[in-house]
C-alpha atoms as a PDB file:
ATOM      1  CA  MET A   1      17.210 -41.644 -54.132  1.00  0.00           C
ATOM      2  CA  SER A   2      20.099 -39.210 -54.947  1.00  0.00           C
ATOM      3  CA  ALA A   3      22.812 -38.825 -51.990  1.00  0.00           C
ATOM      4  CA  SER A   4      22.237 -35.141 -51.574  1.00  0.00           C
ATOM      5  CA  GLN A   5      18.329 -35.991 -50.708  1.00  0.00           C
ATOM      6  CA  GLU A   6      19.427 -38.858 -48.485  1.00  0.00           C
ATOM      7  CA  GLN A   7      21.927 -36.047 -46.416  1.00  0.00           C
ATOM      8  CA  VAL A   8      18.535 -33.530 -46.305  1.00  0.00           C
ATOM      9  CA  ALA A   9      16.351 -36.219 -45.067  1.00  0.00           C
ATOM     10  CA  PRO A  10      18.657 -37.228 -41.694  1.00  0.00           C
ATOM     11  CA  ARG A  11      18.866 -33.305 -40.989  1.00  0.00           C
ATOM     12  CA  SER A  12      15.413 -32.490 -41.145  1.00  0.00           C
ATOM     13  CA  GLN A  13      14.708 -35.101 -38.963  1.00  0.00           C
ATOM     14  CA  GLU A  14      17.383 -33.865 -36.430  1.00  0.00           C
ATOM     15  CA  ALA A  15      15.716 -30.357 -36.401  1.00  0.00           C
ATOM     16  CA  GLY A  16      12.391 -31.815 -35.270  1.00  0.00           C
ATOM     17  CA  PRO A  17      13.285 -32.597 -31.511  1.00  0.00           C
ATOM     18  CA  ASP A  18      15.330 -28.791 -31.338  1.00  0.00           C
ATOM     19  CA  ASP A  19      12.695 -27.087 -32.717  1.00  0.00           C
ATOM     20  CA  ALA A  20      10.001 -29.015 -29.952  1.00  0.00           C
ATOM     21  CA  THR A  21      12.649 -28.293 -27.366  1.00  0.00           C
ATOM     22  CA  THR A  22      13.198 -24.476 -28.066  1.00  0.00           C
ATOM     23  CA  ALA A  23       9.476 -24.167 -28.277  1.00  0.00           C
ATOM     24  CA  ARG A  24       9.045 -25.870 -24.599  1.00  0.00           C
ATOM     25  CA  ARG A  25      11.722 -23.256 -23.225  1.00  0.00           C
ATOM     26  CA  ASP A  26       9.930 -20.556 -24.864  1.00  0.00           C
ATOM     27  CA  GLU A  27       6.402 -22.175 -23.183  1.00  0.00           C
ATOM     28  CA  ARG A  28       8.277 -22.203 -19.681  1.00  0.00           C
ATOM     29  CA  THR A  29       9.465 -18.638 -20.057  1.00  0.00           C
ATOM     30  CA  LEU A  30       6.075 -17.363 -20.874  1.00  0.00           C
ATOM     31  CA  GLU A  31       4.445 -19.411 -17.828  1.00  0.00           C
ATOM     32  CA  ALA A  32       6.995 -18.041 -15.725  1.00  0.00           C
ATOM     33  CA  ALA A  33       6.549 -14.390 -16.868  1.00  0.00           C
ATOM     34  CA  ARG A  34       2.742 -15.004 -16.284  1.00  0.00           C
ATOM     35  CA  ARG A  35       3.195 -16.087 -13.132  1.00  0.00           C
ATOM     36  CA  GLN A  36       5.561 -13.331 -12.166  1.00  0.00           C
ATOM     37  CA  ARG A  37       2.932 -10.774 -13.207  1.00  0.00           C
ATOM     38  CA  GLN A  38       0.382 -12.659 -11.046  1.00  0.00           C
ATOM     39  CA  ARG A  39       2.322 -12.539  -8.250  1.00  0.00           C
ATOM     40  CA  ALA A  40       3.223  -8.640  -8.574  1.00  0.00           C
ATOM     41  CA  ARG A  41      -0.821  -8.144  -8.719  1.00  0.00           C
ATOM     42  CA  ALA A  42      -1.747 -10.354  -5.842  1.00  0.00           C
ATOM     43  CA  LEU A  43       1.289  -8.050  -4.038  1.00  0.00           C
ATOM     44  CA  ALA A  44      -0.140  -4.988  -5.035  1.00  0.00           C
ATOM     45  CA  THR A  45      -3.449  -5.890  -4.183  1.00  0.00           C
ATOM     46  CA  ARG A  46      -2.463  -6.916  -0.746  1.00  0.00           C
ATOM     47  CA  ASP A  47      -0.370  -3.869  -0.090  1.00  0.00           C
ATOM     48  CA  LEU A  48      -3.632  -1.652  -1.099  1.00  0.00           C
ATOM     49  CA  VAL A  49      -5.738  -3.638   1.317  1.00  0.00           C
ATOM     50  CA  LEU A  50      -3.325  -3.234   3.979  1.00  0.00           C
ATOM     51  CA  SER A  51      -2.882  -0.026   3.851  1.00  0.00           C
ATOM     52  CA  ILE A  52      -6.224   0.895   3.980  1.00  0.00           C
ATOM     53  CA  ALA A  53      -7.293  -1.758   6.651  1.00  0.00           C
ATOM     54  CA  ALA A  54      -4.490  -0.930   9.348  1.00  0.00           C
ATOM     55  CA  PRO A  55      -5.507   2.769   9.663  1.00  0.00           C
ATOM     56  CA  ILE A  56      -9.197   1.498  10.240  1.00  0.00           C
ATOM     57  CA  LEU A  57      -8.516  -0.840  12.549  1.00  0.00           C
ATOM     58  CA  LEU A  58      -6.759   1.644  14.454  1.00  0.00           C
ATOM     59  CA  VAL A  59      -9.084   4.047  14.652  1.00  0.00           C
ATOM     60  CA  ALA A  60     -11.952   1.653  15.549  1.00  0.00           C
ATOM     61  CA  LEU A  61      -9.631   0.462  18.182  1.00  0.00           C
ATOM     62  CA  TRP A  62      -9.378   3.811  19.420  1.00  0.00           C
ATOM     63  CA  GLU A  63     -13.247   3.980  19.159  1.00  0.00           C
ATOM     64  CA  VAL A  64     -13.873   1.370  21.340  1.00  0.00           C
ATOM     65  CA  CYS A  65     -10.981   2.111  23.717  1.00  0.00           C
ATOM     66  CA  ALA A  66     -12.373   5.883  24.556  1.00  0.00           C
ATOM     67  CA  ARG A  67     -16.018   4.554  24.535  1.00  0.00           C
ATOM     68  CA  VAL A  68     -15.699   1.785  27.366  1.00  0.00           C
ATOM     69  CA  GLN A  69     -12.621   4.521  28.976  1.00  0.00           C
ATOM     70  CA  ILE A  70      -9.958   2.132  28.387  1.00  0.00           C
ATOM     71  CA  ILE A  71      -8.060   5.614  27.661  1.00  0.00           C
ATOM     72  CA  ASP A  72      -9.320   8.504  28.927  1.00  0.00           C
ATOM     73  CA  PRO A  73     -11.803  10.315  26.303  1.00  0.00           C
ATOM     74  CA  ARG A  74     -10.958  13.589  27.901  1.00  0.00           C
ATOM     75  CA  PHE A  75      -7.531  13.343  26.412  1.00  0.00           C
ATOM     76  CA  PHE A  76      -8.444  10.885  23.765  1.00  0.00           C
ATOM     77  CA  PRO A  77     -11.924  11.902  22.171  1.00  0.00           C
ATOM     78  CA  PRO A  78     -13.293   8.990  20.196  1.00  0.00           C
ATOM     79  CA  PRO A  79     -12.734   9.783  16.622  1.00  0.00           C
ATOM     80  CA  SER A  80     -16.092  10.043  15.552  1.00  0.00           C
ATOM     81  CA  GLN A  81     -16.497  13.050  17.958  1.00  0.00           C
ATOM     82  CA  ILE A  82     -13.332  14.406  16.202  1.00  0.00           C
ATOM     83  CA  VAL A  83     -14.951  14.015  12.753  1.00  0.00           C
ATOM     84  CA  THR A  84     -18.079  15.707  14.109  1.00  0.00           C
ATOM     85  CA  ALA A  85     -15.838  18.607  15.072  1.00  0.00           C
ATOM     86  CA  GLY A  86     -14.365  18.622  11.891  1.00  0.00           C
ATOM     87  CA  PHE A  87     -17.323  18.953  10.152  1.00  0.00           C
ATOM     88  CA  GLU A  88     -19.118  21.350  12.317  1.00  0.00           C
ATOM     89  CA  MET A  89     -15.669  23.845  11.813  1.00  0.00           C
ATOM     90  CA  ALA A  90     -16.065  23.693   8.163  1.00  0.00           C
ATOM     91  CA  ARG A  91     -19.514  24.440   8.050  1.00  0.00           C
ATOM     92  CA  SER A  92     -18.736  27.339  10.155  1.00  0.00           C
ATOM     93  CA  GLY A  93     -15.378  28.291   7.961  1.00  0.00           C
ATOM     94  CA  GLU A  94     -13.495  28.506  10.935  1.00  0.00           C
ATOM     95  CA  LEU A  95     -11.413  25.202   9.876  1.00  0.00           C
ATOM     96  CA  TRP A  96     -11.140  26.905   6.141  1.00  0.00           C
ATOM     97  CA  MET A  97      -9.784  30.239   8.447  1.00  0.00           C
ATOM     98  CA  HIS A  98      -6.862  28.468   9.561  1.00  0.00           C
ATOM     99  CA  THR A  99      -6.151  25.921   6.969  1.00  0.00           C
ATOM    100  CA  GLY A 100      -5.882  28.782   4.273  1.00  0.00           C
ATOM    101  CA  PRO A 101      -2.982  30.769   5.836  1.00  0.00           C
ATOM    102  CA  THR A 102      -1.136  27.603   6.785  1.00  0.00           C
ATOM    103  CA  LEU A 103      -1.152  26.411   3.130  1.00  0.00           C
ATOM    104  CA  MET A 104      -0.131  29.890   1.745  1.00  0.00           C
ATOM    105  CA  ARG A 105       2.710  30.087   4.037  1.00  0.00           C
ATOM    106  CA  LEU A 106       3.879  26.639   3.073  1.00  0.00           C
ATOM    107  CA  LEU A 107       3.118  26.860  -0.923  1.00  0.00           C
ATOM    108  CA  VAL A 108       5.008  30.423  -0.737  1.00  0.00           C
ATOM    109  CA  GLY A 109       7.309  30.335   1.474  1.00  0.00           C
ATOM    110  CA  GLY A 110       8.164  26.780   0.793  1.00  0.00           C
ATOM    111  CA  GLY A 111       8.281  26.754  -2.808  1.00  0.00           C
ATOM    112  CA  LEU A 112      10.394  30.238  -2.975  1.00  0.00           C
ATOM    113  CA  GLY A 113      13.049  28.226  -1.106  1.00  0.00           C
ATOM    114  CA  ALA A 114      12.892  25.018  -2.889  1.00  0.00           C
ATOM    115  CA  ILE A 115      13.407  27.110  -6.138  1.00  0.00           C
ATOM    116  CA  CYS A 116      16.371  29.046  -4.648  1.00  0.00           C
ATOM    117  CA  GLY A 117      17.724  25.955  -2.966  1.00  0.00           C
ATOM    118  CA  ILE A 118      18.124  24.164  -6.006  1.00  0.00           C
ATOM    119  CA  ALA A 119      19.288  26.933  -7.978  1.00  0.00           C
ATOM    120  CA  VAL A 120      21.923  27.490  -5.640  1.00  0.00           C
ATOM    121  CA  GLY A 121      22.668  23.837  -4.905  1.00  0.00           C
ATOM    122  CA  LEU A 122      22.898  23.130  -8.842  1.00  0.00           C
ATOM    123  CA  LEU A 123      25.623  26.304  -9.294  1.00  0.00           C
ATOM    124  CA  MET A 124      27.528  25.187  -5.994  1.00  0.00           C
ATOM    125  CA  GLY A 125      27.707  21.409  -7.182  1.00  0.00           C
ATOM    126  CA  SER A 126      28.960  22.393 -10.337  1.00  0.00           C
ATOM    127  CA  SER A 127      31.364  25.223  -9.638  1.00  0.00           C
ATOM    128  CA  ARG A 128      34.141  24.532  -7.286  1.00  0.00           C
ATOM    129  CA  ALA A 129      35.077  28.024  -6.704  1.00  0.00           C
ATOM    130  CA  LEU A 130      31.181  28.594  -5.772  1.00  0.00           C
ATOM    131  CA  ASN A 131      31.216  25.793  -3.450  1.00  0.00           C
ATOM    132  CA  ALA A 132      34.505  26.629  -1.452  1.00  0.00           C
ATOM    133  CA  ALA A 133      33.273  30.548  -1.024  1.00  0.00           C
ATOM    134  CA  LEU A 134      29.479  29.592   0.143  1.00  0.00           C
ATOM    135  CA  GLY A 135      30.109  25.869   1.438  1.00  0.00           C
ATOM    136  CA  PRO A 136      31.091  26.827   4.992  1.00  0.00           C
ATOM    137  CA  LEU A 137      28.908  29.769   5.397  1.00  0.00           C
ATOM    138  CA  PHE A 138      25.864  27.327   4.637  1.00  0.00           C
ATOM    139  CA  SER A 139      27.492  24.780   7.044  1.00  0.00           C
ATOM    140  CA  ALA A 140      27.546  27.198   9.679  1.00  0.00           C
ATOM    141  CA  LEU A 141      23.880  28.298   9.240  1.00  0.00           C
ATOM    142  CA  TYR A 142      22.057  25.267   8.301  1.00  0.00           C
ATOM    143  CA  PRO A 143      22.667  23.690  12.098  1.00  0.00           C
ATOM    144  CA  LEU A 144      21.065  26.827  13.620  1.00  0.00           C
ATOM    145  CA  PRO A 145      17.036  26.236  15.010  1.00  0.00           C
ATOM    146  CA  LYS A 146      14.974  27.869  12.222  1.00  0.00           C
ATOM    147  CA  ILE A 147      12.520  28.543  15.241  1.00  0.00           C
ATOM    148  CA  ALA A 148      15.331  30.357  16.912  1.00  0.00           C
ATOM    149  CA  ILE A 149      15.745  32.641  14.305  1.00  0.00           C
ATOM    150  CA  PHE A 150      11.846  33.443  14.222  1.00  0.00           C
ATOM    151  CA  PRO A 151      12.111  36.136  17.170  1.00  0.00           C
ATOM    152  CA  ILE A 152      14.934  37.930  14.893  1.00  0.00           C
ATOM    153  CA  LEU A 153      12.623  38.081  12.153  1.00  0.00           C
ATOM    154  CA  LEU A 154       9.897  39.330  14.296  1.00  0.00           C
ATOM    155  CA  MET A 155      11.719  41.929  15.419  1.00  0.00           C
ATOM    156  CA  ILE A 156      13.016  42.998  11.846  1.00  0.00           C
ATOM    157  CA  PHE A 157       9.960  42.689   9.971  1.00  0.00           C
ATOM    158  CA  GLY A 158       7.142  42.812  12.840  1.00  0.00           C
ATOM    159  CA  PRO A 159       3.903  40.651  13.544  1.00  0.00           C
ATOM    160  CA  THR A 160       3.301  40.013   9.460  1.00  0.00           C
ATOM    161  CA  GLU A 161       3.010  37.273   7.322  1.00  0.00           C
ATOM    162  CA  LEU A 162       6.542  37.878   6.043  1.00  0.00           C
ATOM    163  CA  PRO A 163       8.672  36.427   9.338  1.00  0.00           C
ATOM    164  CA  LYS A 164       6.509  33.274   8.955  1.00  0.00           C
ATOM    165  CA  MET A 165       7.096  32.638   5.098  1.00  0.00           C
ATOM    166  CA  ILE A 166      10.884  33.466   5.664  1.00  0.00           C
ATOM    167  CA  ALA A 167      11.218  30.953   8.117  1.00  0.00           C
ATOM    168  CA  VAL A 168       9.900  28.444   5.684  1.00  0.00           C
ATOM    169  CA  PHE A 169      12.107  29.762   2.872  1.00  0.00           C
ATOM    170  CA  ILE A 170      15.210  29.258   5.053  1.00  0.00           C
ATOM    171  CA  THR A 171      14.036  25.763   5.961  1.00  0.00           C
ATOM    172  CA  THR A 172      13.188  24.504   2.529  1.00  0.00           C
ATOM    173  CA  PHE A 173      16.410  26.714   1.250  1.00  0.00           C
ATOM    174  CA  PHE A 174      18.814  24.778   3.010  1.00  0.00           C
ATOM    175  CA  VAL A 175      17.513  21.255   2.554  1.00  0.00           C
ATOM    176  CA  MET A 176      17.233  21.621  -0.866  1.00  0.00           C
ATOM    177  CA  GLN A 177      20.671  23.376  -1.336  1.00  0.00           C
ATOM    178  CA  ILE A 178      22.276  20.170   0.617  1.00  0.00           C
ATOM    179  CA  ALA A 179      20.220  17.696  -1.709  1.00  0.00           C
ATOM    180  CA  ALA A 180      21.123  19.305  -4.906  1.00  0.00           C
ATOM    181  CA  VAL A 181      24.777  19.429  -4.498  1.00  0.00           C
ATOM    182  CA  SER A 182      24.880  16.095  -3.219  1.00  0.00           C
ATOM    183  CA  GLY A 183      23.289  15.399  -6.312  1.00  0.00           C
ATOM    184  CA  VAL A 184      25.826  16.866  -8.796  1.00  0.00           C
ATOM    185  CA  TRP A 185      28.145  15.475  -6.940  1.00  0.00           C
ATOM    186  CA  ALA A 186      26.701  11.843  -7.153  1.00  0.00           C
ATOM    187  CA  ILE A 187      26.478  11.891 -10.792  1.00  0.00           C
ATOM    188  CA  ASP A 188      28.710   9.110 -12.632  1.00  0.00           C
ATOM    189  CA  LYS A 189      31.814  10.463 -13.553  1.00  0.00           C
ATOM    190  CA  LYS A 190      31.561   8.126 -16.820  1.00  0.00           C
ATOM    191  CA  LEU A 191      28.465   9.907 -17.770  1.00  0.00           C
ATOM    192  CA  LEU A 192      30.335  13.140 -17.772  1.00  0.00           C
ATOM    193  CA  GLU A 193      32.919  11.968 -19.982  1.00  0.00           C
ATOM    194  CA  ALA A 194      30.449  10.145 -22.126  1.00  0.00           C
ATOM    195  CA  GLY A 195      28.755  14.012 -22.328  1.00  0.00           C
ATOM    196  CA  THR A 196      32.026  15.622 -22.896  1.00  0.00           C
ATOM    197  CA  ALA A 197      32.924  13.356 -25.725  1.00  0.00           C
ATOM    198  CA  TYR A 198      29.269  13.839 -27.080  1.00  0.00           C
ATOM    199  CA  GLY A 199      30.360  17.875 -27.189  1.00  0.00           C
ATOM    200  CA  ALA A 200      27.989  18.445 -24.610  1.00  0.00           C
ATOM    201  CA  THR A 201      29.862  21.702 -22.955  1.00  0.00           C
ATOM    202  CA  GLY A 202      28.755  24.661 -21.085  1.00  0.00           C
ATOM    203  CA  PHE A 203      24.778  24.915 -20.713  1.00  0.00           C
ATOM    204  CA  ASP A 204      24.137  21.865 -22.982  1.00  0.00           C
ATOM    205  CA  ARG A 205      26.182  19.750 -20.567  1.00  0.00           C
ATOM    206  CA  PHE A 206      24.486  21.329 -17.168  1.00  0.00           C
ATOM    207  CA  ARG A 207      20.902  20.799 -19.020  1.00  0.00           C
ATOM    208  CA  PHE A 208      21.284  17.363 -20.807  1.00  0.00           C
ATOM    209  CA  VAL A 209      23.849  15.591 -18.316  1.00  0.00           C
ATOM    210  CA  VAL A 210      24.234  17.361 -14.713  1.00  0.00           C
ATOM    211  CA  LEU A 211      20.417  18.280 -14.476  1.00  0.00           C
ATOM    212  CA  PRO A 212      18.798  14.722 -14.824  1.00  0.00           C
ATOM    213  CA  GLY A 213      21.650  13.596 -13.053  1.00  0.00           C
ATOM    214  CA  ALA A 214      20.694  15.388 -10.122  1.00  0.00           C
ATOM    215  CA  MET A 215      17.064  15.244 -10.153  1.00  0.00           C
ATOM    216  CA  PRO A 216      16.587  11.960  -8.081  1.00  0.00           C
ATOM    217  CA  PHE A 217      18.415  13.795  -4.980  1.00  0.00           C
ATOM    218  CA  VAL A 218      16.366  16.721  -5.710  1.00  0.00           C
ATOM    219  CA  PHE A 219      13.304  15.015  -5.619  1.00  0.00           C
ATOM    220  CA  SER A 220      14.268  13.139  -2.376  1.00  0.00           C
ATOM    221  CA  GLY A 221      15.348  16.423  -0.683  1.00  0.00           C
ATOM    222  CA  LEU A 222      11.916  17.835  -1.468  1.00  0.00           C
ATOM    223  CA  ARG A 223      10.433  15.180   0.373  1.00  0.00           C
ATOM    224  CA  THR A 224      12.311  15.821   3.069  1.00  0.00           C
ATOM    225  CA  ALA A 225      11.774  19.739   2.958  1.00  0.00           C
ATOM    226  CA  THR A 226       8.486  19.082   2.891  1.00  0.00           C
ATOM    227  CA  GLY A 227       7.858  17.283   6.051  1.00  0.00           C
ATOM    228  CA  THR A 228      10.126  20.007   8.013  1.00  0.00           C
ATOM    229  CA  ALA A 229       8.434  22.863   6.427  1.00  0.00           C
ATOM    230  CA  VAL A 230       5.039  21.705   7.742  1.00  0.00           C
ATOM    231  CA  VAL A 231       6.925  21.333  11.220  1.00  0.00           C
ATOM    232  CA  VAL A 232       8.529  24.624  11.225  1.00  0.00           C
ATOM    233  CA  VAL A 233       5.179  26.752  10.105  1.00  0.00           C
ATOM    234  CA  THR A 234       3.165  24.872  12.635  1.00  0.00           C
ATOM    235  CA  ALA A 235       5.876  25.932  14.955  1.00  0.00           C
ATOM    236  CA  VAL A 236       5.819  29.069  14.636  1.00  0.00           C
ATOM    237  CA  GLU A 237       2.391  29.374  14.449  1.00  0.00           C
ATOM    238  CA  PHE A 238       2.153  28.676  18.127  1.00  0.00           C
ATOM    239  CA  THR A 239       3.886  32.017  18.926  1.00  0.00           C
ATOM    240  CA  GLY A 240       1.412  34.989  20.065  1.00  0.00           C
ATOM    241  CA  ALA A 241       2.527  36.429  16.397  1.00  0.00           C
ATOM    242  CA  SER A 242      -0.402  34.768  14.781  1.00  0.00           C
ATOM    243  CA  THR A 243      -3.908  34.347  15.367  1.00  0.00           C
ATOM    244  CA  THR A 244      -4.836  32.055  12.326  1.00  0.00           C
ATOM    245  CA  GLY A 245      -3.140  29.227  10.830  1.00  0.00           C
ATOM    246  CA  LEU A 246      -3.647  25.365  12.048  1.00  0.00           C
ATOM    247  CA  GLY A 247      -0.578  25.355  14.849  1.00  0.00           C
ATOM    248  CA  TYR A 248      -2.537  28.510  16.355  1.00  0.00           C
ATOM    249  CA  LEU A 249      -5.606  26.375  15.953  1.00  0.00           C
ATOM    250  CA  ILE A 250      -3.644  23.795  17.928  1.00  0.00           C
ATOM    251  CA  TRP A 251      -2.154  26.064  20.514  1.00  0.00           C
ATOM    252  CA  ASN A 252      -5.404  27.763  21.317  1.00  0.00           C
ATOM    253  CA  SER A 253      -7.593  24.519  21.376  1.00  0.00           C
ATOM    254  CA  TRP A 254      -4.945  23.355  24.363  1.00  0.00           C
ATOM    255  CA  GLN A 255      -5.577  26.576  26.094  1.00  0.00           C
ATOM    256  CA  LEU A 256      -9.247  26.326  26.087  1.00  0.00           C
ATOM    257  CA  PHE A 257      -9.167  22.483  26.269  1.00  0.00           C
ATOM    258  CA  LEU A 258     -10.832  21.509  23.334  1.00  0.00           C
ATOM    259  CA  PRO A 259      -9.294  18.545  22.475  1.00  0.00           C
ATOM    260  CA  GLU A 260     -11.533  17.733  19.513  1.00  0.00           C
ATOM    261  CA  LYS A 261     -10.682  20.874  17.511  1.00  0.00           C
ATOM    262  CA  LEU A 262      -7.113  19.973  18.896  1.00  0.00           C
ATOM    263  CA  TYR A 263      -7.288  16.754  17.037  1.00  0.00           C
ATOM    264  CA  VAL A 264      -8.869  18.319  13.593  1.00  0.00           C
ATOM    265  CA  GLY A 265      -5.878  20.539  13.466  1.00  0.00           C
ATOM    266  CA  LEU A 266      -3.533  17.781  13.699  1.00  0.00           C
ATOM    267  CA  VAL A 267      -5.346  15.474  11.325  1.00  0.00           C
ATOM    268  CA  VAL A 268      -5.720  18.130   8.476  1.00  0.00           C
ATOM    269  CA  ILE A 269      -1.641  19.178   9.306  1.00  0.00           C
ATOM    270  CA  GLY A 270      -1.281  15.504   8.568  1.00  0.00           C
ATOM    271  CA  ILE A 271      -3.619  15.278   5.477  1.00  0.00           C
ATOM    272  CA  ILE A 272      -1.497  18.510   4.041  1.00  0.00           C
ATOM    273  CA  GLY A 273       1.409  16.889   4.259  1.00  0.00           C
ATOM    274  CA  ALA A 274       0.618  13.695   2.609  1.00  0.00           C
ATOM    275  CA  VAL A 275      -1.332  15.037  -0.254  1.00  0.00           C
ATOM    276  CA  LEU A 276       2.103  17.556  -0.844  1.00  0.00           C
ATOM    277  CA  THR A 277       4.472  14.665  -0.344  1.00  0.00           C
ATOM    278  CA  SER A 278       2.234  12.241  -2.777  1.00  0.00           C
ATOM    279  CA  LEU A 279       2.060  15.250  -5.512  1.00  0.00           C
ATOM    280  CA  ILE A 280       5.820  15.551  -5.259  1.00  0.00           C
ATOM    281  CA  VAL A 281       6.269  11.540  -5.803  1.00  0.00           C
ATOM    282  CA  HIS A 282       3.951  11.392  -8.782  1.00  0.00           C
ATOM    283  CA  SER A 283       5.952  14.305 -10.156  1.00  0.00           C
ATOM    284  CA  GLU A 284       9.026  12.281  -9.987  1.00  0.00           C
ATOM    285  CA  LYS A 285       7.266   9.577 -11.879  1.00  0.00           C
ATOM    286  CA  LEU A 286       6.193  12.077 -14.477  1.00  0.00           C
ATOM    287  CA  LEU A 287       9.500  13.726 -14.669  1.00  0.00           C
ATOM    288  CA  LEU A 288      11.890  11.124 -14.217  1.00  0.00           C
ATOM    289  CA  PRO A 289      10.132   8.195 -16.282  1.00  0.00           C
ATOM    290  CA  TRP A 290      13.339   5.936 -16.178  1.00  0.00           C
ATOM    291  CA  ARG A 291      12.759   5.859 -12.482  1.00  0.00           C
ATOM    292  CA  ARG A 292       9.268   4.641 -12.395  1.00  0.00           C
ATOM    293  CA  SER A 293      10.016   0.585 -11.811  1.00  0.00           C
ATOM    294  CA  ARG A 294      11.789   1.528  -8.540  1.00  0.00           C
END
């Protein structure tokens, strides 16, 4: 055997243990990743079961306590009676007569308020002069209770749909304006510098740097604005200026002491808020794919 062959043989023999070590390390890495996926699936299943089981248990407890009169069924009727009342109201059309106007006020007033608030907030966050001009005014108007403004709107526009939608518009506008401004100001300056270095100026800078950077704050503001808008639209429907809407249904049921219908109105309002919030969350995952893992 030549000297070169003698040198190659030990090297090949030495490479064997290294390959085995690498293979074992890869196997351990794959095994750890597999266990982590299994744990993630198990946790997701557990969370789903808890999210379903907890409300069911609470409703069942409420049903039992009302049936055995641990709680007063005059004020806390059993959930089965509330469900029965809800079906009867849906069959007669009474429920839809009140749900439709509330949804319309939320979607029109809240939608327009959100769009305008986002646009104004992005402009104020991008323009120092505009923020200096409008910032103090908006800071003074935002704390005003929107319900307190509602009588003024009634005096101006009368007992029509417009004052109710304007009240919801104002509510969502200020929430979204604040969220959009905060989103622009929270953008990392390094990203702005990088955009400038790559030639992103004017509208391109706004489109590719400012808008994507501010969108997480915008969606967070949308979730807050949705809850606030539901509260405001319910409150304005409590007034005598409205004879339709879920707020009116709740108030009228209280006056006539019809607790089943009162709870039906509360449940439907809760469902509307939950559905709108869920749509916003799924829209965020669709439009901001880089945040899906969070």
